[in-house]
Amino acid sequence: MAIIKKSFWPRVRFLLNLPKSLPLAWKLLLDKRLPLQNKLFFIGLSVFYLLLPIDLIPDLPLLGQLDDFSVFMILFNWFLNQVPKEILADYGWYKE
């Protein structure tokens, strides 16, 4: 049960902070201090999955977009975890 609590609440907090997170992602993508390969990996896989005709969940109303959003959030979380704490602090975002 403790494993679920540790992984569940940070994800909920991340989703609640999404309106603040997306502008941060845009600023980080434009930041020259971050490696280009990390940026390309994040953007490339996100666009590739969105354009991929095969989905994990069939395209049913609302439910079909859930897998696209989930994959994007996993990639977005990976991208943020690659950013050094000092750079995140420059943008007022503190990594736990």
PDB file of N, CA and C in Angstrom:
ATOM      1  N   MET A   1       0.815  -1.192   0.000  1.00  0.00           N
ATOM      2  CA  MET A   1       0.000   0.000   0.000  1.00  0.00           C
ATOM      3  C   MET A   1       0.857   1.254   0.000  1.00  0.00           C
ATOM      4  N   ALA A   2       1.979   1.229   0.676  1.00  0.00           N
ATOM      5  CA  ALA A   2       2.861   2.401   0.737  1.00  0.00           C
ATOM      6  C   ALA A   2       3.439   2.725  -0.637  1.00  0.00           C
ATOM      7  N   ILE A   3       3.649   1.718  -1.461  1.00  0.00           N
ATOM      8  CA  ILE A   3       4.180   1.948  -2.800  1.00  0.00           C
ATOM      9  C   ILE A   3       3.179   2.757  -3.625  1.00  0.00           C
ATOM     10  N   ILE A   4       1.917   2.449  -3.504  1.00  0.00           N
ATOM     11  CA  ILE A   4       0.892   3.175  -4.252  1.00  0.00           C
ATOM     12  C   ILE A   4       0.840   4.629  -3.799  1.00  0.00           C
ATOM     13  N   LYS A   5       0.919   4.881  -2.506  1.00  0.00           N
ATOM     14  CA  LYS A   5       0.871   6.251  -2.002  1.00  0.00           C
ATOM     15  C   LYS A   5       2.038   7.078  -2.523  1.00  0.00           C
ATOM     16  N   LYS A   6       3.226   6.499  -2.537  1.00  0.00           N
ATOM     17  CA  LYS A   6       4.393   7.243  -2.976  1.00  0.00           C
ATOM     18  C   LYS A   6       4.322   7.572  -4.460  1.00  0.00           C
ATOM     19  N   SER A   7       3.782   6.705  -5.274  1.00  0.00           N
ATOM     20  CA  SER A   7       3.754   6.979  -6.706  1.00  0.00           C
ATOM     21  C   SER A   7       2.475   7.698  -7.131  1.00  0.00           C
ATOM     22  N   PHE A   8       1.399   7.572  -6.380  1.00  0.00           N
ATOM     23  CA  PHE A   8       0.121   8.153  -6.777  1.00  0.00           C
ATOM     24  C   PHE A   8       0.055   9.662  -6.544  1.00  0.00           C
ATOM     25  N   TRP A   9       0.397  10.129  -5.343  1.00  0.00           N
ATOM     26  CA  TRP A   9       0.231  11.541  -5.008  1.00  0.00           C
ATOM     27  C   TRP A   9       1.135  12.476  -5.796  1.00  0.00           C
ATOM     28  N   PRO A  10       2.383  12.113  -6.071  1.00  0.00           N
ATOM     29  CA  PRO A  10       3.161  13.006  -6.934  1.00  0.00           C
ATOM     30  C   PRO A  10       2.564  13.141  -8.332  1.00  0.00           C
ATOM     31  N   ARG A  11       1.960  12.085  -8.822  1.00  0.00           N
ATOM     32  CA  ARG A  11       1.326  12.165 -10.150  1.00  0.00           C
ATOM     33  C   ARG A  11       0.089  13.050 -10.126  1.00  0.00           C
ATOM     34  N   VAL A  12      -0.683  12.967  -9.065  1.00  0.00           N
ATOM     35  CA  VAL A  12      -1.862  13.828  -8.926  1.00  0.00           C
ATOM     36  C   VAL A  12      -1.418  15.287  -8.830  1.00  0.00           C
ATOM     37  N   ARG A  13      -0.416  15.547  -8.032  1.00  0.00           N
ATOM     38  CA  ARG A  13       0.109  16.903  -7.892  1.00  0.00           C
ATOM     39  C   ARG A  13       0.639  17.417  -9.235  1.00  0.00           C
ATOM     40  N   PHE A  14       1.300  16.527  -9.982  1.00  0.00           N
ATOM     41  CA  PHE A  14       1.826  16.890 -11.303  1.00  0.00           C
ATOM     42  C   PHE A  14       0.686  17.282 -12.243  1.00  0.00           C
ATOM     43  N   LEU A  15      -0.404  16.518 -12.231  1.00  0.00           N
ATOM     44  CA  LEU A  15      -1.552  16.849 -13.080  1.00  0.00           C
ATOM     45  C   LEU A  15      -2.216  18.154 -12.661  1.00  0.00           C
ATOM     46  N   LEU A  16      -2.297  18.393 -11.367  1.00  0.00           N
ATOM     47  CA  LEU A  16      -2.894  19.639 -10.901  1.00  0.00           C
ATOM     48  C   LEU A  16      -2.031  20.850 -11.262  1.00  0.00           C
ATOM     49  N   ASN A  17      -0.740  20.635 -11.380  1.00  0.00           N
ATOM     50  CA  ASN A  17       0.178  21.707 -11.759  1.00  0.00           C
ATOM     51  C   ASN A  17       0.370  21.818 -13.266  1.00  0.00           C
ATOM     52  N   LEU A  18      -0.387  21.053 -14.039  1.00  0.00           N
ATOM     53  CA  LEU A  18      -0.210  21.042 -15.491  1.00  0.00           C
ATOM     54  C   LEU A  18      -0.318  22.422 -16.130  1.00  0.00           C
ATOM     55  N   PRO A  19      -1.265  23.282 -15.734  1.00  0.00           N
ATOM     56  CA  PRO A  19      -1.294  24.619 -16.346  1.00  0.00           C
ATOM     57  C   PRO A  19      -0.006  25.420 -16.119  1.00  0.00           C
ATOM     58  N   LYS A  20       0.690  25.130 -15.032  1.00  0.00           N
ATOM     59  CA  LYS A  20       1.957  25.787 -14.758  1.00  0.00           C
ATOM     60  C   LYS A  20       3.115  25.024 -15.409  1.00  0.00           C
ATOM     61  N   SER A  21       2.948  23.718 -15.611  1.00  0.00           N
ATOM     62  CA  SER A  21       4.018  22.877 -16.136  1.00  0.00           C
ATOM     63  C   SER A  21       4.245  23.068 -17.629  1.00  0.00           C
ATOM     64  N   LEU A  22       3.189  23.259 -18.380  1.00  0.00           N
ATOM     65  CA  LEU A  22       3.346  23.380 -19.825  1.00  0.00           C
ATOM     66  C   LEU A  22       4.128  24.625 -20.233  1.00  0.00           C
ATOM     67  N   PRO A  23       3.869  25.797 -19.632  1.00  0.00           N
ATOM     68  CA  PRO A  23       4.744  26.934 -19.961  1.00  0.00           C
ATOM     69  C   PRO A  23       6.202  26.686 -19.544  1.00  0.00           C
ATOM     70  N   LEU A  24       6.392  25.959 -18.443  1.00  0.00           N
ATOM     71  CA  LEU A  24       7.743  25.608 -18.023  1.00  0.00           C
ATOM     72  C   LEU A  24       8.415  24.747 -19.080  1.00  0.00           C
ATOM     73  N   ALA A  25       7.694  23.776 -19.610  1.00  0.00           N
ATOM     74  CA  ALA A  25       8.261  22.899 -20.638  1.00  0.00           C
ATOM     75  C   ALA A  25       8.673  23.711 -21.858  1.00  0.00           C
ATOM     76  N   TRP A  26       7.850  24.663 -22.248  1.00  0.00           N
ATOM     77  CA  TRP A  26       8.179  25.493 -23.404  1.00  0.00           C
ATOM     78  C   TRP A  26       9.464  26.287 -23.140  1.00  0.00           C
ATOM     79  N   LYS A  27       9.569  26.858 -21.951  1.00  0.00           N
ATOM     80  CA  LYS A  27      10.779  27.620 -21.606  1.00  0.00           C
ATOM     81  C   LYS A  27      12.007  26.712 -21.581  1.00  0.00           C
ATOM     82  N   LEU A  28      11.841  25.493 -21.072  1.00  0.00           N
ATOM     83  CA  LEU A  28      12.966  24.558 -21.022  1.00  0.00           C
ATOM     84  C   LEU A  28      13.382  24.113 -22.416  1.00  0.00           C
ATOM     85  N   LEU A  29      12.424  23.961 -23.314  1.00  0.00           N
ATOM     86  CA  LEU A  29      12.767  23.582 -24.677  1.00  0.00           C
ATOM     87  C   LEU A  29      13.566  24.690 -25.371  1.00  0.00           C
ATOM     88  N   LEU A  30      13.351  25.920 -24.974  1.00  0.00           N
ATOM     89  CA  LEU A  30      14.087  27.042 -25.559  1.00  0.00           C
ATOM     90  C   LEU A  30      15.401  27.342 -24.830  1.00  0.00           C
ATOM     91  N   ASP A  31      15.596  26.734 -23.670  1.00  0.00           N
ATOM     92  CA  ASP A  31      16.793  26.977 -22.868  1.00  0.00           C
ATOM     93  C   ASP A  31      18.012  26.317 -23.517  1.00  0.00           C
ATOM     94  N   LYS A  32      19.046  27.086 -23.725  1.00  0.00           N
ATOM     95  CA  LYS A  32      20.253  26.584 -24.392  1.00  0.00           C
ATOM     96  C   LYS A  32      21.156  25.769 -23.473  1.00  0.00           C
ATOM     97  N   ARG A  33      20.887  25.756 -22.178  1.00  0.00           N
ATOM     98  CA  ARG A  33      21.721  24.998 -21.242  1.00  0.00           C
ATOM     99  C   ARG A  33      21.393  23.507 -21.234  1.00  0.00           C
ATOM    100  N   LEU A  34      20.255  23.143 -21.788  1.00  0.00           N
ATOM    101  CA  LEU A  34      19.851  21.733 -21.804  1.00  0.00           C
ATOM    102  C   LEU A  34      20.344  21.060 -23.080  1.00  0.00           C
ATOM    103  N   PRO A  35      20.706  19.777 -22.993  1.00  0.00           N
ATOM    104  CA  PRO A  35      21.195  19.069 -24.176  1.00  0.00           C
ATOM    105  C   PRO A  35      20.121  18.953 -25.263  1.00  0.00           C
ATOM    106  N   LEU A  36      20.547  19.154 -26.490  1.00  0.00           N
ATOM    107  CA  LEU A  36      19.633  19.087 -27.628  1.00  0.00           C
ATOM    108  C   LEU A  36      19.022  17.693 -27.774  1.00  0.00           C
ATOM    109  N   GLN A  37      19.791  16.646 -27.487  1.00  0.00           N
ATOM    110  CA  GLN A  37      19.258  15.292 -27.659  1.00  0.00           C
ATOM    111  C   GLN A  37      18.085  15.012 -26.721  1.00  0.00           C
ATOM    112  N   ASN A  38      18.098  15.580 -25.508  1.00  0.00           N
ATOM    113  CA  ASN A  38      16.957  15.405 -24.597  1.00  0.00           C
ATOM    114  C   ASN A  38      15.718  16.089 -25.152  1.00  0.00           C
ATOM    115  N   LYS A  39      15.899  17.272 -25.679  1.00  0.00           N
ATOM    116  CA  LYS A  39      14.769  18.004 -26.255  1.00  0.00           C
ATOM    117  C   LYS A  39      14.203  17.261 -27.466  1.00  0.00           C
ATOM    118  N   LEU A  40      15.095  16.804 -28.343  1.00  0.00           N
ATOM    119  CA  LEU A  40      14.644  16.093 -29.544  1.00  0.00           C
ATOM    120  C   LEU A  40      13.975  14.772 -29.198  1.00  0.00           C
ATOM    121  N   PHE A  41      14.478  14.081 -28.194  1.00  0.00           N
ATOM    122  CA  PHE A  41      13.881  12.822 -27.771  1.00  0.00           C
ATOM    123  C   PHE A  41      12.455  13.044 -27.282  1.00  0.00           C
ATOM    124  N   PHE A  42      12.274  14.058 -26.447  1.00  0.00           N
ATOM    125  CA  PHE A  42      10.955  14.382 -25.906  1.00  0.00           C
ATOM    126  C   PHE A  42       9.983  14.787 -27.013  1.00  0.00           C
ATOM    127  N   ILE A  43      10.383  15.717 -27.844  1.00  0.00           N
ATOM    128  CA  ILE A  43       9.504  16.194 -28.914  1.00  0.00           C
ATOM    129  C   ILE A  43       9.262  15.094 -29.937  1.00  0.00           C
ATOM    130  N   GLY A  44      10.335  14.407 -30.331  1.00  0.00           N
ATOM    131  CA  GLY A  44      10.217  13.371 -31.357  1.00  0.00           C
ATOM    132  C   GLY A  44       9.293  12.238 -30.960  1.00  0.00           C
ATOM    133  N   LEU A  45       9.472  11.708 -29.757  1.00  0.00           N
ATOM    134  CA  LEU A  45       8.613  10.607 -29.324  1.00  0.00           C
ATOM    135  C   LEU A  45       7.176  11.062 -29.101  1.00  0.00           C
ATOM    136  N   SER A  46       7.001  12.282 -28.612  1.00  0.00           N
ATOM    137  CA  SER A  46       5.639  12.797 -28.400  1.00  0.00           C
ATOM    138  C   SER A  46       4.897  12.909 -29.723  1.00  0.00           C
ATOM    139  N   VAL A  47       5.529  13.524 -30.698  1.00  0.00           N
ATOM    140  CA  VAL A  47       4.893  13.689 -32.007  1.00  0.00           C
ATOM    141  C   VAL A  47       4.713  12.339 -32.687  1.00  0.00           C
ATOM    142  N   PHE A  48       5.723  11.466 -32.590  1.00  0.00           N
ATOM    143  CA  PHE A  48       5.639  10.142 -33.207  1.00  0.00           C
ATOM    144  C   PHE A  48       4.445   9.359 -32.660  1.00  0.00           C
ATOM    145  N   TYR A  49       4.275   9.363 -31.349  1.00  0.00           N
ATOM    146  CA  TYR A  49       3.172   8.598 -30.772  1.00  0.00           C
ATOM    147  C   TYR A  49       1.814   9.197 -31.134  1.00  0.00           C
ATOM    148  N   LEU A  50       1.737  10.524 -31.156  1.00  0.00           N
ATOM    149  CA  LEU A  50       0.469  11.158 -31.515  1.00  0.00           C
ATOM    150  C   LEU A  50       0.081  10.867 -32.962  1.00  0.00           C
ATOM    151  N   LEU A  51       1.074  10.746 -33.844  1.00  0.00           N
ATOM    152  CA  LEU A  51       0.798  10.479 -35.259  1.00  0.00           C
ATOM    153  C   LEU A  51       0.714   8.990 -35.578  1.00  0.00           C
ATOM    154  N   LEU A  52       1.164   8.145 -34.666  1.00  0.00           N
ATOM    155  CA  LEU A  52       1.146   6.701 -34.869  1.00  0.00           C
ATOM    156  C   LEU A  52      -0.296   6.206 -35.000  1.00  0.00           C
ATOM    157  N   PRO A  53      -0.591   5.444 -36.046  1.00  0.00           N
ATOM    158  CA  PRO A  53      -1.980   4.997 -36.229  1.00  0.00           C
ATOM    159  C   PRO A  53      -2.417   3.914 -35.243  1.00  0.00           C
ATOM    160  N   ILE A  54      -1.490   3.321 -34.531  1.00  0.00           N
ATOM    161  CA  ILE A  54      -1.816   2.265 -33.566  1.00  0.00           C
ATOM    162  C   ILE A  54      -1.915   2.890 -32.175  1.00  0.00           C
ATOM    163  N   ASP A  55      -3.008   2.614 -31.472  1.00  0.00           N
ATOM    164  CA  ASP A  55      -3.211   3.141 -30.128  1.00  0.00           C
ATOM    165  C   ASP A  55      -3.276   1.998 -29.123  1.00  0.00           C
ATOM    166  N   LEU A  56      -2.902   2.299 -27.881  1.00  0.00           N
ATOM    167  CA  LEU A  56      -3.040   1.315 -26.815  1.00  0.00           C
ATOM    168  C   LEU A  56      -4.508   1.092 -26.483  1.00  0.00           C
ATOM    169  N   ILE A  57      -5.285   2.161 -26.535  1.00  0.00           N
ATOM    170  CA  ILE A  57      -6.723   2.108 -26.282  1.00  0.00           C
ATOM    171  C   ILE A  57      -7.417   2.563 -27.563  1.00  0.00           C
ATOM    172  N   PRO A  58      -8.393   1.806 -28.066  1.00  0.00           N
ATOM    173  CA  PRO A  58      -9.080   2.225 -29.292  1.00  0.00           C
ATOM    174  C   PRO A  58      -9.689   3.617 -29.138  1.00  0.00           C
ATOM    175  N   ASP A  59      -9.853   4.295 -30.250  1.00  0.00           N
ATOM    176  CA  ASP A  59     -10.358   5.670 -30.225  1.00  0.00           C
ATOM    177  C   ASP A  59     -11.850   5.725 -29.950  1.00  0.00           C
ATOM    178  N   LEU A  60     -12.195   5.517 -28.706  1.00  0.00           N
ATOM    179  CA  LEU A  60     -13.560   5.711 -28.243  1.00  0.00           C
ATOM    180  C   LEU A  60     -13.645   7.140 -27.712  1.00  0.00           C
ATOM    181  N   PRO A  61     -14.803   7.747 -27.707  1.00  0.00           N
ATOM    182  CA  PRO A  61     -14.891   9.130 -27.216  1.00  0.00           C
ATOM    183  C   PRO A  61     -14.313   9.267 -25.806  1.00  0.00           C
ATOM    184  N   LEU A  62     -13.420  10.212 -25.641  1.00  0.00           N
ATOM    185  CA  LEU A  62     -12.736  10.565 -24.414  1.00  0.00           C
ATOM    186  C   LEU A  62     -11.770   9.490 -23.930  1.00  0.00           C
ATOM    187  N   LEU A  63     -12.144   8.245 -23.975  1.00  0.00           N
ATOM    188  CA  LEU A  63     -11.274   7.171 -23.506  1.00  0.00           C
ATOM    189  C   LEU A  63     -10.094   6.959 -24.457  1.00  0.00           C
ATOM    190  N   GLY A  64     -10.321   7.158 -25.742  1.00  0.00           N
ATOM    191  CA  GLY A  64      -9.269   6.946 -26.738  1.00  0.00           C
ATOM    192  C   GLY A  64      -8.139   7.947 -26.624  1.00  0.00           C
ATOM    193  N   GLN A  65      -8.418   9.131 -26.170  1.00  0.00           N
ATOM    194  CA  GLN A  65      -7.377  10.144 -26.020  1.00  0.00           C
ATOM    195  C   GLN A  65      -6.588   9.956 -24.728  1.00  0.00           C
ATOM    196  N   LEU A  66      -7.084   9.129 -23.848  1.00  0.00           N
ATOM    197  CA  LEU A  66      -6.431   8.907 -22.571  1.00  0.00           C
ATOM    198  C   LEU A  66      -5.045   8.290 -22.743  1.00  0.00           C
ATOM    199  N   ASP A  67      -4.888   7.356 -23.670  1.00  0.00           N
ATOM    200  CA  ASP A  67      -3.568   6.751 -23.863  1.00  0.00           C
ATOM    201  C   ASP A  67      -2.594   7.758 -24.461  1.00  0.00           C
ATOM    202  N   ASP A  68      -3.062   8.611 -25.375  1.00  0.00           N
ATOM    203  CA  ASP A  68      -2.186   9.643 -25.931  1.00  0.00           C
ATOM    204  C   ASP A  68      -1.708  10.582 -24.834  1.00  0.00           C
ATOM    205  N   PHE A  69      -2.622  11.002 -23.993  1.00  0.00           N
ATOM    206  CA  PHE A  69      -2.285  11.899 -22.891  1.00  0.00           C
ATOM    207  C   PHE A  69      -1.340  11.216 -21.906  1.00  0.00           C
ATOM    208  N   SER A  70      -1.581   9.945 -21.622  1.00  0.00           N
ATOM    209  CA  SER A  70      -0.736   9.203 -20.671  1.00  0.00           C
ATOM    210  C   SER A  70       0.695   9.088 -21.182  1.00  0.00           C
ATOM    211  N   VAL A  71       0.854   8.759 -22.452  1.00  0.00           N
ATOM    212  CA  VAL A  71       2.197   8.638 -23.019  1.00  0.00           C
ATOM    213  C   VAL A  71       2.890   9.994 -23.008  1.00  0.00           C
ATOM    214  N   PHE A  72       2.146  11.052 -23.353  1.00  0.00           N
ATOM    215  CA  PHE A  72       2.732  12.390 -23.312  1.00  0.00           C
ATOM    216  C   PHE A  72       3.182  12.745 -21.897  1.00  0.00           C
ATOM    217  N   MET A  73       2.369  12.434 -20.909  1.00  0.00           N
ATOM    218  CA  MET A  73       2.715  12.760 -19.521  1.00  0.00           C
ATOM    219  C   MET A  73       3.941  11.976 -19.049  1.00  0.00           C
ATOM    220  N   ILE A  74       4.070  10.731 -19.478  1.00  0.00           N
ATOM    221  CA  ILE A  74       5.254   9.938 -19.127  1.00  0.00           C
ATOM    222  C   ILE A  74       6.508  10.565 -19.741  1.00  0.00           C
ATOM    223  N   LEU A  75       6.408  10.955 -21.010  1.00  0.00           N
ATOM    224  CA  LEU A  75       7.543  11.596 -21.664  1.00  0.00           C
ATOM    225  C   LEU A  75       7.860  12.955 -21.038  1.00  0.00           C
ATOM    226  N   PHE A  76       6.830  13.690 -20.695  1.00  0.00           N
ATOM    227  CA  PHE A  76       7.006  14.998 -20.075  1.00  0.00           C
ATOM    228  C   PHE A  76       7.678  14.856 -18.715  1.00  0.00           C
ATOM    229  N   ASN A  77       7.257  13.875 -17.952  1.00  0.00           N
ATOM    230  CA  ASN A  77       7.863  13.608 -16.650  1.00  0.00           C
ATOM    231  C   ASN A  77       9.331  13.217 -16.817  1.00  0.00           C
ATOM    232  N   TRP A  78       9.630  12.389 -17.816  1.00  0.00           N
ATOM    233  CA  TRP A  78      11.013  12.005 -18.093  1.00  0.00           C
ATOM    234  C   TRP A  78      11.846  13.246 -18.422  1.00  0.00           C
ATOM    235  N   PHE A  79      11.294  14.109 -19.267  1.00  0.00           N
ATOM    236  CA  PHE A  79      12.009  15.320 -19.674  1.00  0.00           C
ATOM    237  C   PHE A  79      12.323  16.204 -18.467  1.00  0.00           C
ATOM    238  N   LEU A  80      11.340  16.407 -17.600  1.00  0.00           N
ATOM    239  CA  LEU A  80      11.571  17.229 -16.407  1.00  0.00           C
ATOM    240  C   LEU A  80      12.593  16.597 -15.471  1.00  0.00           C
ATOM    241  N   ASN A  81      12.628  15.280 -15.401  1.00  0.00           N
ATOM    242  CA  ASN A  81      13.597  14.607 -14.536  1.00  0.00           C
ATOM    243  C   ASN A  81      15.015  14.711 -15.077  1.00  0.00           C
ATOM    244  N   GLN A  82      15.176  15.019 -16.360  1.00  0.00           N
ATOM    245  CA  GLN A  82      16.499  15.173 -16.957  1.00  0.00           C
ATOM    246  C   GLN A  82      17.086  16.562 -16.718  1.00  0.00           C
ATOM    247  N   VAL A  83      16.241  17.492 -16.299  1.00  0.00           N
ATOM    248  CA  VAL A  83      16.681  18.874 -16.099  1.00  0.00           C
ATOM    249  C   VAL A  83      17.345  19.007 -14.722  1.00  0.00           C
ATOM    250  N   PRO A  84      18.546  19.589 -14.678  1.00  0.00           N
ATOM    251  CA  PRO A  84      19.201  19.788 -13.374  1.00  0.00           C
ATOM    252  C   PRO A  84      18.380  20.699 -12.456  1.00  0.00           C
ATOM    253  N   LYS A  85      18.506  20.457 -11.167  1.00  0.00           N
ATOM    254  CA  LYS A  85      17.744  21.225 -10.170  1.00  0.00           C
ATOM    255  C   LYS A  85      18.024  22.718 -10.256  1.00  0.00           C
ATOM    256  N   GLU A  86      19.253  23.078 -10.592  1.00  0.00           N
ATOM    257  CA  GLU A  86      19.619  24.497 -10.663  1.00  0.00           C
ATOM    258  C   GLU A  86      18.832  25.218 -11.758  1.00  0.00           C
ATOM    259  N   ILE A  87      18.663  24.554 -12.890  1.00  0.00           N
ATOM    260  CA  ILE A  87      17.920  25.172 -13.997  1.00  0.00           C
ATOM    261  C   ILE A  87      16.443  25.283 -13.634  1.00  0.00           C
ATOM    262  N   LEU A  88      15.891  24.240 -13.014  1.00  0.00           N
ATOM    263  CA  LEU A  88      14.495  24.314 -12.579  1.00  0.00           C
ATOM    264  C   LEU A  88      14.302  25.425 -11.562  1.00  0.00           C
ATOM    265  N   ALA A  89      15.271  25.614 -10.679  1.00  0.00           N
ATOM    266  CA  ALA A  89      15.179  26.672  -9.677  1.00  0.00           C
ATOM    267  C   ALA A  89      15.204  28.048 -10.333  1.00  0.00           C
ATOM    268  N   ASP A  90      15.934  28.178 -11.450  1.00  0.00           N
ATOM    269  CA  ASP A  90      15.947  29.449 -12.176  1.00  0.00           C
ATOM    270  C   ASP A  90      14.562  29.840 -12.670  1.00  0.00           C
ATOM    271  N   TYR A  91      13.746  28.847 -12.948  1.00  0.00           N
ATOM    272  CA  TYR A  91      12.379  29.094 -13.435  1.00  0.00           C
ATOM    273  C   TYR A  91      11.352  29.042 -12.308  1.00  0.00           C
ATOM    274  N   GLY A  92      11.804  28.930 -11.079  1.00  0.00           N
ATOM    275  CA  GLY A  92      10.895  28.914  -9.944  1.00  0.00           C
ATOM    276  C   GLY A  92      10.200  27.581  -9.735  1.00  0.00           C
ATOM    277  N   TRP A  93      10.775  26.526 -10.265  1.00  0.00           N
ATOM    278  CA  TRP A  93      10.200  25.186 -10.118  1.00  0.00           C
ATOM    279  C   TRP A  93      11.176  24.353  -9.292  1.00  0.00           C
ATOM    280  N   TYR A  94      10.699  23.802  -8.220  1.00  0.00           N
ATOM    281  CA  TYR A  94      11.575  23.051  -7.333  1.00  0.00           C
ATOM    282  C   TYR A  94      11.254  21.575  -7.408  1.00  0.00           C
ATOM    283  N   LYS A  95      12.238  20.794  -7.780  1.00  0.00           N
ATOM    284  CA  LYS A  95      12.063  19.350  -7.882  1.00  0.00           C
ATOM    285  C   LYS A  95      12.252  18.728  -6.516  1.00  0.00           C
ATOM    286  N   GLU A  96      11.366  17.798  -6.151  1.00  0.00           N
ATOM    287  CA  GLU A  96      11.445  17.147  -4.841  1.00  0.00           C
ATOM    288  C   GLU A  96      12.475  16.039  -4.850  1.00  0.00           C
TER     289      GLU A  96
END
